[in-house]
N, C-alpha and C. Protein backbone atom coordinates (compact mmCIF):
# COMPACT_ATOMS: atom_id res chain seq x y z
N MET A 1 37.18 133.48 120.11
CA MET A 1 37.03 134.85 119.65
C MET A 1 36.52 135.67 120.82
N SER A 2 37.06 136.85 121.00
CA SER A 2 36.65 137.68 122.12
C SER A 2 35.40 138.48 121.79
N THR A 3 34.68 138.80 122.85
CA THR A 3 33.47 139.60 122.71
C THR A 3 33.86 141.05 122.96
N ALA A 4 33.35 141.94 122.16
CA ALA A 4 33.68 143.35 122.31
C ALA A 4 32.46 144.20 122.01
N THR A 5 32.53 145.41 122.49
CA THR A 5 31.49 146.37 122.16
C THR A 5 32.12 147.37 121.20
N GLU A 6 31.65 147.41 119.98
CA GLU A 6 32.13 148.38 118.99
C GLU A 6 31.16 149.55 118.98
N SER A 7 31.67 150.70 118.71
CA SER A 7 30.83 151.89 118.66
C SER A 7 29.72 151.72 117.63
N GLY A 8 28.48 151.63 118.11
CA GLY A 8 27.33 151.53 117.22
C GLY A 8 27.05 150.14 116.67
N ALA A 9 27.95 149.18 116.86
CA ALA A 9 27.73 147.84 116.32
C ALA A 9 26.81 147.05 117.23
N ARG A 10 25.90 146.33 116.61
CA ARG A 10 24.95 145.47 117.33
C ARG A 10 24.82 144.16 116.57
N CYS A 11 24.36 143.15 117.27
CA CYS A 11 24.12 141.86 116.62
C CYS A 11 23.12 142.06 115.49
N ALA A 12 23.44 141.54 114.33
CA ALA A 12 22.58 141.70 113.16
C ALA A 12 21.25 140.97 113.33
N ILE A 13 21.16 140.07 114.30
CA ILE A 13 19.93 139.30 114.48
C ILE A 13 19.11 139.80 115.66
N CYS A 14 19.74 139.99 116.83
CA CYS A 14 18.96 140.35 118.02
C CYS A 14 19.20 141.76 118.53
N GLY A 15 20.23 142.43 118.02
CA GLY A 15 20.49 143.80 118.44
C GLY A 15 21.37 143.96 119.66
N SER A 16 21.88 142.87 120.20
CA SER A 16 22.76 142.95 121.37
C SER A 16 24.00 143.78 121.05
N GLU A 17 24.47 144.53 122.05
CA GLU A 17 25.66 145.36 121.86
C GLU A 17 26.95 144.58 122.09
N GLU A 18 26.88 143.46 122.77
CA GLU A 18 28.05 142.62 123.00
C GLU A 18 28.21 141.71 121.78
N ILE A 19 29.15 142.05 120.92
CA ILE A 19 29.23 141.35 119.63
C ILE A 19 30.61 140.76 119.37
N GLU A 20 30.62 139.85 118.43
CA GLU A 20 31.82 139.29 117.84
C GLU A 20 31.70 139.51 116.34
N ARG A 21 32.80 139.58 115.66
CA ARG A 21 32.79 139.70 114.21
C ARG A 21 32.83 138.32 113.60
N HIS A 22 31.77 137.95 112.90
CA HIS A 22 31.71 136.65 112.23
C HIS A 22 32.09 136.82 110.77
N HIS A 23 33.01 136.00 110.28
CA HIS A 23 33.39 135.99 108.87
C HIS A 23 32.32 135.20 108.12
N VAL A 24 31.34 135.90 107.60
CA VAL A 24 30.16 135.26 107.01
C VAL A 24 30.54 134.29 105.89
N GLY A 25 31.44 134.70 105.03
CA GLY A 25 31.86 133.83 103.93
C GLY A 25 33.05 132.96 104.26
N GLY A 26 33.51 133.02 105.50
CA GLY A 26 34.66 132.22 105.93
C GLY A 26 35.96 133.01 105.82
N LYS A 27 36.82 132.89 106.83
CA LYS A 27 38.11 133.60 106.84
C LYS A 27 38.97 133.22 105.64
N ASN A 28 38.84 131.99 105.18
CA ASN A 28 39.66 131.52 104.07
C ASN A 28 39.09 131.86 102.70
N HIS A 29 37.90 132.44 102.68
CA HIS A 29 37.25 132.70 101.40
C HIS A 29 37.03 134.19 101.15
N ILE A 30 36.41 134.89 102.11
CA ILE A 30 36.19 136.34 101.99
C ILE A 30 36.53 136.93 103.36
N VAL A 31 37.82 137.20 103.57
CA VAL A 31 38.30 137.62 104.88
C VAL A 31 37.72 138.97 105.31
N TRP A 32 37.42 139.84 104.38
CA TRP A 32 36.98 141.20 104.71
C TRP A 32 35.49 141.29 105.00
N PHE A 33 34.71 140.25 104.70
CA PHE A 33 33.27 140.31 104.88
C PHE A 33 32.89 139.76 106.25
N THR A 34 32.65 140.67 107.20
CA THR A 34 32.27 140.25 108.54
C THR A 34 30.93 140.86 108.91
N MET A 35 30.29 140.25 109.90
CA MET A 35 28.99 140.69 110.37
C MET A 35 29.03 140.66 111.89
N PRO A 36 28.50 141.71 112.54
CA PRO A 36 28.46 141.67 114.00
C PRO A 36 27.36 140.72 114.48
N LEU A 37 27.74 139.78 115.34
CA LEU A 37 26.79 138.85 115.93
C LEU A 37 27.11 138.70 117.41
N CYS A 38 26.10 138.50 118.22
CA CYS A 38 26.33 138.20 119.63
C CYS A 38 26.91 136.78 119.71
N VAL A 39 27.42 136.42 120.87
CA VAL A 39 28.02 135.10 121.04
C VAL A 39 27.03 133.99 120.69
N THR A 40 25.80 134.12 121.17
CA THR A 40 24.78 133.09 120.92
C THR A 40 24.53 132.90 119.43
N HIS A 41 24.31 134.01 118.71
CA HIS A 41 24.01 133.89 117.27
C HIS A 41 25.25 133.52 116.47
N HIS A 42 26.43 133.91 116.93
CA HIS A 42 27.66 133.50 116.26
C HIS A 42 27.80 131.98 116.33
N ARG A 43 27.60 131.44 117.52
CA ARG A 43 27.70 129.98 117.69
C ARG A 43 26.61 129.26 116.89
N GLN A 44 25.40 129.82 116.92
CA GLN A 44 24.30 129.21 116.18
C GLN A 44 24.59 129.19 114.69
N LEU A 45 25.06 130.31 114.14
CA LEU A 45 25.37 130.36 112.71
C LEU A 45 26.49 129.38 112.36
N SER A 46 27.53 129.34 113.19
CA SER A 46 28.63 128.41 112.93
C SER A 46 28.15 126.97 112.94
N ALA A 47 27.24 126.64 113.87
CA ALA A 47 26.71 125.28 113.95
C ALA A 47 25.86 124.94 112.72
N VAL A 48 25.05 125.89 112.26
CA VAL A 48 24.20 125.64 111.10
C VAL A 48 25.06 125.50 109.84
N ILE A 49 26.10 126.31 109.73
CA ILE A 49 27.02 126.19 108.58
C ILE A 49 27.71 124.83 108.61
N ALA A 50 28.13 124.39 109.79
CA ALA A 50 28.76 123.08 109.90
C ALA A 50 27.77 121.97 109.55
N ALA A 51 26.53 122.11 110.01
CA ALA A 51 25.50 121.10 109.70
C ALA A 51 25.21 121.04 108.20
N ALA A 52 25.35 122.19 107.54
CA ALA A 52 25.15 122.24 106.09
C ALA A 52 26.35 121.69 105.32
N LYS A 53 27.39 121.33 106.07
CA LYS A 53 28.62 120.74 105.51
C LYS A 53 29.32 121.66 104.51
N ILE A 54 29.33 122.95 104.82
CA ILE A 54 30.05 123.90 103.99
C ILE A 54 31.51 123.87 104.41
N ASP A 55 32.37 123.62 103.46
CA ASP A 55 33.79 123.45 103.72
C ASP A 55 34.48 124.80 103.80
N PHE A 56 34.98 125.16 104.98
CA PHE A 56 35.67 126.44 105.15
C PHE A 56 37.19 126.31 105.06
N THR A 57 37.69 125.11 104.71
CA THR A 57 39.14 124.99 104.56
C THR A 57 39.57 125.72 103.29
N TYR A 58 40.80 126.18 103.30
CA TYR A 58 41.32 126.95 102.17
C TYR A 58 41.46 126.06 100.94
N THR A 59 41.17 126.64 99.79
CA THR A 59 41.42 125.99 98.50
C THR A 59 42.06 127.02 97.58
N ASP A 60 42.96 126.56 96.72
CA ASP A 60 43.60 127.45 95.75
C ASP A 60 42.64 127.88 94.64
N ASP A 61 41.55 127.18 94.49
CA ASP A 61 40.59 127.44 93.41
C ASP A 61 39.69 128.63 93.77
N PRO A 62 39.88 129.78 93.10
CA PRO A 62 39.08 130.96 93.44
C PRO A 62 37.58 130.76 93.19
N LYS A 63 37.23 129.97 92.19
CA LYS A 63 35.82 129.71 91.92
C LYS A 63 35.19 128.91 93.06
N GLU A 64 35.91 127.91 93.55
CA GLU A 64 35.39 127.10 94.65
C GLU A 64 35.29 127.92 95.93
N ARG A 65 36.24 128.82 96.17
CA ARG A 65 36.16 129.70 97.35
C ARG A 65 34.89 130.53 97.30
N LEU A 66 34.57 131.06 96.13
CA LEU A 66 33.35 131.86 95.99
C LEU A 66 32.08 131.03 96.19
N VAL A 67 32.07 129.80 95.68
CA VAL A 67 30.92 128.93 95.88
C VAL A 67 30.71 128.67 97.37
N ARG A 68 31.79 128.36 98.09
CA ARG A 68 31.68 128.08 99.52
C ARG A 68 31.23 129.33 100.28
N ALA A 69 31.77 130.47 99.91
CA ALA A 69 31.38 131.73 100.56
C ALA A 69 29.91 132.03 100.31
N GLN A 70 29.45 131.83 99.07
CA GLN A 70 28.04 132.06 98.74
C GLN A 70 27.13 131.13 99.54
N GLU A 71 27.53 129.88 99.66
CA GLU A 71 26.72 128.93 100.43
C GLU A 71 26.60 129.39 101.89
N ALA A 72 27.70 129.83 102.47
CA ALA A 72 27.68 130.31 103.86
C ALA A 72 26.82 131.56 103.99
N CYS A 73 26.90 132.44 103.01
CA CYS A 73 26.08 133.66 103.03
C CYS A 73 24.60 133.31 102.93
N GLN A 74 24.27 132.29 102.16
CA GLN A 74 22.88 131.87 102.04
C GLN A 74 22.36 131.30 103.35
N VAL A 75 23.22 130.60 104.09
CA VAL A 75 22.83 130.10 105.40
C VAL A 75 22.56 131.29 106.33
N PHE A 76 23.41 132.32 106.26
CA PHE A 76 23.21 133.52 107.08
C PHE A 76 21.89 134.20 106.71
N GLN A 77 21.61 134.30 105.42
CA GLN A 77 20.34 134.90 104.99
C GLN A 77 19.15 134.09 105.50
N TRP A 78 19.28 132.77 105.52
CA TRP A 78 18.22 131.92 106.06
C TRP A 78 18.01 132.24 107.54
N MET A 79 19.11 132.40 108.28
CA MET A 79 18.99 132.74 109.71
C MET A 79 18.28 134.08 109.89
N LEU A 80 18.60 135.04 109.04
CA LEU A 80 17.92 136.34 109.12
C LEU A 80 16.43 136.19 108.86
N SER A 81 16.06 135.38 107.88
CA SER A 81 14.64 135.19 107.58
C SER A 81 13.93 134.48 108.73
N GLN A 82 14.60 133.55 109.41
CA GLN A 82 14.01 132.88 110.56
C GLN A 82 13.80 133.87 111.71
N ALA A 83 14.78 134.75 111.92
CA ALA A 83 14.65 135.78 112.96
C ALA A 83 13.48 136.71 112.64
N GLN A 84 13.30 137.03 111.38
CA GLN A 84 12.18 137.89 110.96
C GLN A 84 10.85 137.18 111.21
N ARG A 85 10.79 135.89 110.90
CA ARG A 85 9.56 135.12 111.15
C ARG A 85 9.22 135.12 112.65
N GLU A 86 10.24 134.91 113.50
CA GLU A 86 10.01 134.92 114.94
C GLU A 86 9.52 136.28 115.41
N LEU A 87 10.13 137.34 114.88
CA LEU A 87 9.72 138.69 115.25
C LEU A 87 8.29 138.96 114.79
N ASN A 88 7.96 138.56 113.57
CA ASN A 88 6.59 138.74 113.06
C ASN A 88 5.58 137.99 113.92
N SER A 89 5.92 136.78 114.32
CA SER A 89 5.05 135.98 115.15
C SER A 89 4.85 136.62 116.52
N LYS A 90 5.92 137.15 117.08
CA LYS A 90 5.87 137.81 118.38
C LYS A 90 4.98 139.05 118.31
N VAL A 91 5.14 139.84 117.27
CA VAL A 91 4.33 141.05 117.09
C VAL A 91 2.87 140.67 116.93
N THR A 92 2.57 139.65 116.13
CA THR A 92 1.20 139.21 115.91
C THR A 92 0.57 138.75 117.23
N ASN A 93 1.32 137.98 118.02
CA ASN A 93 0.81 137.52 119.31
C ASN A 93 0.55 138.68 120.25
N GLU A 94 1.44 139.67 120.26
CA GLU A 94 1.24 140.85 121.10
C GLU A 94 0.01 141.63 120.65
N GLU A 95 -0.19 141.76 119.35
CA GLU A 95 -1.37 142.47 118.83
C GLU A 95 -2.64 141.75 119.22
N GLN A 96 -2.64 140.40 119.18
CA GLN A 96 -3.82 139.64 119.56
C GLN A 96 -4.12 139.82 121.03
N ASN A 97 -3.10 139.89 121.88
CA ASN A 97 -3.30 140.08 123.31
C ASN A 97 -3.89 141.45 123.62
N ILE A 98 -3.51 142.45 122.83
CA ILE A 98 -4.03 143.81 123.03
C ILE A 98 -5.50 143.88 122.64
N SER A 99 -5.88 143.19 121.56
CA SER A 99 -7.24 143.29 121.06
C SER A 99 -8.25 142.45 121.84
N ILE A 100 -7.76 141.60 122.73
CA ILE A 100 -8.68 140.73 123.50
C ILE A 100 -9.29 141.48 124.65
């Protein structure tokens, strides 16, 4: 997948302007649902989804496609919460350094 700069688009996790469009629910399940991610976070999310053993192969069963898409979206939400935790920790550490 090529990296591009879209007008106003930034990585949903780190804010980088060099982004790729990640099919959060999978190209075979929810083709229209994409999220801008930098190359690093795109690869990280794909690896975590693979580790979670979410099947992105096409299935004729619309209910199963939705289940797989939801599972992938939940992995993405987990990544967002981890990024928030890291940001909170960074801010707290910076605040402690200022008060010392």
